[in-house]
Structure formats: structure tokens, C-alpha cells
Amino acid sequence: MDEIIQQIRDPELLSQIGKVVPFHGYLSTGAFIGIQMFNIAKKALDLQDGERIFVTCETYNCLPDPFQVLGGATIGNKGLRIADSGKMAVVVNRHVPAGVTSVPGIRIYLDPNRTKKNPKLHAWYLNTEKISHKEAIHDLIKAGDDAYTYEMVNVEVPIKPNKCIKMCGECGEYFVQYGEEVLCSTCTA
């Protein structure tokens, strides 16, 4: 993998890889895709460094990690949501003030119609043969943004419910009540 990284001349991309690898554990193809998608979103939305973003990843696999590290969007700060449909896709939008009900965003996905131009990447993505991360990332570097399809979308901003802490009538532990529940989700399961 070092020889692939040594071919990269973009200092910002190298810096991003340097931040993502310790968090993710290694430079996987999915993590590299996340880095590229982050950069596409950053350009398309004209995001400033450190600007708060909201991200919906359509897979748990590798893709969310670069958005946590590079964009500060985490599950804990409610900036990252996983809607696992098994798609190598993401929706990104910027933070909006309270009361705003929709915001422009971008949906980006790795497009198999576009990966055909890069056979190793295409085979990796469609899982038709065993392709190393090194080979797939080499093709991703060659392809750049051309491996992706993206479109501007309107993102509905959910209304934040009032937080109410109640004691569960079954187990006696306290939980966040969003409706009229009398039992926590553990006891109702």
C-alpha cells in the first residue's frame, strides 16, 4: 500500500489519509471511497474547513469513518446517521438553524456503470473476483470523481422532539421518553 500512497501528490489527500487510517485501522477501499466522497461533497456544497455537516451513510461498511474523522459527523453528536441499505452511497448536507425544515444536500454513490472503465475496481465493487485494496485503490485514484454519480437533493430536516426522562414501569431504569411510552424499549421488546 505504501507504493500507492507514494504516488499521491495532493498534500490534502495525503493528510486526509493520514487522519483516517489510525481511526479506521488501515486504508481500506471503502475508507478511501469515503474520503473521495467527502471531497466531492465539500466541493459541491462549498463547505469550509470545520463546518458542521450532517451525513446519512447507506452502509455500515467503512464508508462512515472518513466522515467522522474529516467532517466531525458522529453518531454521538447526531451528525451521522446510518440507513443501511447496503449501498455504497451517502447524503451530505450542512448544519441548519432550528426551525428550518429542509436544506440542500448532495447524494453521492459509487456507480458500477462508471467503474466499468476501471476493471479491478469494478470487479472489487461487484465482488466478481478477489481484488486487493491496493489494486482497487489504485483504480480509484485513476478514476477520481469519475467513479461516482452525484446529484443535488433536498434533505428534509426532522423536527427534534422534546426530551423527557421517565422511569420505566417494568425495570425501574430511567430512559428518554419521546411519546407516551411507560416502558423502555428494552422492556417492550
Protein backbone atom coordinates (compact mmCIF):
# COMPACT_ATOMS: atom_id res chain seq x y z
CA MET A 1 0.00 0.00 0.00
CA ASP A 2 2.91 2.36 0.65
CA GLU A 3 3.78 2.46 -3.07
CA ILE A 4 0.21 3.56 -3.86
CA ILE A 5 0.31 6.32 -1.23
CA GLN A 6 3.72 7.47 -2.52
CA GLN A 7 2.12 8.09 -5.94
CA ILE A 8 -0.34 10.60 -4.45
CA ARG A 9 0.84 14.18 -4.95
CA ASP A 10 -2.10 16.02 -3.40
CA PRO A 11 -0.99 17.10 0.12
CA GLU A 12 -4.59 17.50 1.33
CA LEU A 13 -5.47 13.94 0.25
CA LEU A 14 -2.32 12.62 1.94
CA SER A 15 -3.25 14.49 5.11
CA GLN A 16 -6.77 13.06 4.99
CA ILE A 17 -5.45 9.52 4.56
CA GLY A 18 -3.10 10.16 7.50
CA LYS A 19 -6.07 11.10 9.68
CA VAL A 20 -8.44 8.32 8.57
CA VAL A 21 -6.03 5.35 8.73
CA PRO A 22 -5.40 5.45 12.52
CA PHE A 23 -9.14 5.74 13.16
CA HIS A 24 -10.24 3.07 10.66
CA GLY A 25 -7.27 0.76 11.28
CA TYR A 26 -5.94 0.58 7.71
CA LEU A 27 -6.57 2.10 4.30
CA SER A 28 -9.46 0.02 3.02
CA THR A 29 -11.11 0.57 -0.32
CA GLY A 30 -14.32 1.64 1.44
CA ALA A 31 -12.48 4.17 3.61
CA PHE A 32 -10.78 5.61 0.52
CA ILE A 33 -14.19 5.85 -1.19
CA GLY A 34 -15.42 7.75 1.87
CA ILE A 35 -12.51 10.18 1.58
CA GLN A 36 -13.28 10.78 -2.09
CA MET A 37 -16.99 11.21 -1.36
CA PHE A 38 -16.19 13.67 1.44
CA ASN A 39 -14.14 15.73 -1.02
CA ILE A 40 -16.90 15.67 -3.65
CA ALA A 41 -19.40 16.89 -1.05
CA LYS A 42 -17.00 19.53 0.22
CA LYS A 43 -16.61 20.97 -3.29
CA ALA A 44 -20.26 20.69 -4.30
CA LEU A 45 -21.59 22.28 -1.10
CA ASP A 46 -18.70 24.75 -0.82
CA LEU A 47 -18.04 23.60 2.75
CA GLN A 48 -15.47 25.42 4.83
CA ASP A 49 -12.93 23.58 6.97
CA GLY A 50 -14.51 22.76 10.30
CA GLU A 51 -18.05 23.50 9.12
CA ARG A 52 -20.62 21.20 10.73
CA ILE A 53 -22.16 18.66 8.38
CA PHE A 54 -24.84 16.01 8.60
CA VAL A 55 -24.30 12.70 6.87
CA THR A 56 -26.51 9.73 6.11
CA CYS A 57 -24.45 6.72 5.06
CA GLU A 58 -26.29 3.93 3.28
CA THR A 59 -23.90 1.25 4.58
CA TYR A 60 -22.09 0.43 7.81
CA ASN A 61 -19.06 -0.84 5.88
CA CYS A 62 -16.05 1.50 6.09
CA LEU A 63 -17.77 4.48 4.45
CA PRO A 64 -18.87 6.31 7.64
CA ASP A 65 -15.39 6.51 9.17
CA PRO A 66 -13.91 9.26 6.95
CA PHE A 67 -16.98 11.43 7.58
CA GLN A 68 -16.44 11.05 11.32
CA VAL A 69 -12.76 11.95 11.14
CA LEU A 70 -12.77 14.56 8.37
CA GLY A 71 -16.22 16.05 8.86
CA GLY A 72 -16.76 15.61 12.59
CA ALA A 73 -20.10 13.91 11.91
CA THR A 74 -20.58 11.24 14.55
CA ILE A 75 -23.48 9.21 15.85
CA GLY A 76 -22.94 10.78 19.27
CA ASN A 77 -23.32 14.38 18.04
CA LYS A 78 -26.21 13.31 15.79
CA GLY A 79 -24.26 14.39 12.72
CA LEU A 80 -24.05 10.82 11.38
CA ARG A 81 -26.93 8.53 10.63
CA ILE A 82 -26.65 5.05 9.17
CA ALA A 83 -29.56 3.95 6.97
CA ASP A 84 -28.09 0.60 5.96
CA SER A 85 -29.41 -0.38 2.56
CA GLY A 86 -26.11 -2.00 1.59
CA LYS A 87 -25.40 0.76 -0.94
CA MET A 88 -22.04 2.47 -1.29
CA ALA A 89 -23.81 5.83 -1.05
CA VAL A 90 -24.02 8.88 1.17
CA VAL A 91 -26.11 12.03 1.56
CA VAL A 92 -24.34 15.11 2.94
CA ASN A 93 -25.79 18.46 3.96
CA ARG A 94 -24.67 21.35 6.10
CA HIS A 95 -25.99 22.28 9.54
CA VAL A 96 -29.09 24.47 9.57
CA PRO A 97 -30.59 26.62 12.30
CA ALA A 98 -33.57 25.45 14.35
CA GLY A 99 -36.87 25.83 12.55
CA VAL A 100 -35.52 25.18 9.05
CA THR A 101 -37.42 22.22 7.57
CA SER A 102 -35.31 21.42 4.51
CA VAL A 103 -31.80 22.03 3.24
CA PRO A 104 -29.91 21.43 0.01
CA GLY A 105 -27.63 18.41 0.11
CA ILE A 106 -25.81 16.04 -2.18
CA ARG A 107 -26.26 12.30 -2.67
CA ILE A 108 -23.16 10.51 -3.94
CA TYR A 109 -22.81 6.86 -4.89
CA LEU A 110 -20.16 4.60 -6.38
CA ASP A 111 -21.65 3.90 -9.80
CA PRO A 112 -21.00 0.48 -11.39
CA ASN A 113 -21.74 1.99 -14.82
CA ARG A 114 -18.77 4.29 -14.22
CA THR A 115 -16.47 1.77 -12.53
CA LYS A 116 -16.53 -0.38 -15.70
CA LYS A 117 -13.73 1.84 -17.04
CA ASN A 118 -11.50 0.51 -14.23
CA PRO A 119 -11.71 -3.31 -14.31
CA LYS A 120 -10.09 -4.05 -10.93
CA LEU A 121 -12.28 -1.51 -9.14
CA HIS A 122 -15.34 -2.82 -10.98
CA ALA A 123 -14.55 -6.42 -10.03
CA TRP A 124 -13.95 -5.37 -6.40
CA TYR A 125 -17.24 -3.45 -6.26
CA LEU A 126 -19.32 -6.20 -7.83
CA ASN A 127 -17.40 -8.86 -5.87
CA THR A 128 -16.82 -10.92 -9.02
CA GLU A 129 -13.20 -11.70 -8.16
CA LYS A 130 -10.78 -11.28 -5.28
CA ILE A 131 -9.21 -7.83 -5.66
CA SER A 132 -6.80 -6.40 -3.10
CA HIS A 133 -7.37 -2.99 -1.52
CA LYS A 134 -4.15 -1.88 -3.17
CA GLU A 135 -5.45 -2.71 -6.66
CA ALA A 136 -8.91 -1.20 -6.06
CA ILE A 137 -7.48 1.99 -4.54
CA HIS A 138 -5.06 2.31 -7.46
CA ASP A 139 -8.10 2.32 -9.79
CA LEU A 140 -9.95 4.78 -7.53
CA ILE A 141 -7.03 7.19 -7.73
CA LYS A 142 -7.02 6.88 -11.53
CA ALA A 143 -10.79 7.33 -11.76
CA GLY A 144 -11.11 10.19 -9.29
CA ASP A 145 -14.59 11.74 -9.25
CA ASP A 146 -15.48 9.86 -12.46
CA ALA A 147 -16.25 6.69 -10.47
CA TYR A 148 -19.21 8.43 -8.81
CA THR A 149 -22.61 9.72 -9.70
CA TYR A 150 -23.98 12.53 -7.62
CA GLU A 151 -26.96 14.82 -7.58
CA MET A 152 -28.16 17.72 -5.51
CA VAL A 153 -31.11 16.73 -3.33
CA ASN A 154 -33.46 18.40 -0.92
CA VAL A 155 -33.00 16.96 2.57
CA GLU A 156 -35.94 17.11 4.96
CA VAL A 157 -34.78 18.19 8.43
CA PRO A 158 -36.57 16.21 11.14
CA ILE A 159 -38.20 18.13 13.95
CA LYS A 160 -36.28 17.47 17.13
CA PRO A 161 -38.67 16.02 19.71
CA ASN A 162 -38.66 17.31 23.26
CA LYS A 163 -36.53 15.15 25.51
CA CYS A 164 -38.31 13.82 28.57
CA ILE A 165 -36.69 11.45 31.08
CA LYS A 166 -39.03 8.89 32.65
CA MET A 167 -38.66 5.81 34.83
CA CYS A 168 -39.58 2.53 33.14
CA GLY A 169 -42.61 0.95 34.79
CA GLU A 170 -41.09 -2.52 34.34
CA CYS A 171 -37.33 -2.41 35.10
CA GLY A 172 -37.19 0.83 37.08
CA GLU A 173 -34.39 2.33 34.98
CA TYR A 174 -34.66 5.82 33.54
CA PHE A 175 -34.95 6.31 29.77
CA VAL A 176 -35.62 9.06 27.23
CA GLN A 177 -39.34 9.14 26.51
CA TYR A 178 -40.35 10.60 23.15
CA GLY A 179 -44.05 9.78 23.16
CA GLU A 180 -46.38 8.32 25.75
CA GLU A 181 -44.28 5.20 26.49
CA VAL A 182 -44.39 3.84 30.02
CA LEU A 183 -41.81 1.13 29.34
CA CYS A 184 -38.30 1.48 27.94
CA SER A 185 -37.54 -0.10 24.56
CA THR A 186 -35.72 -3.00 26.27
CA CYS A 187 -38.81 -3.97 28.25
CA THR A 188 -41.18 -3.59 25.30
CA ALA A 189 -39.06 -5.84 23.06
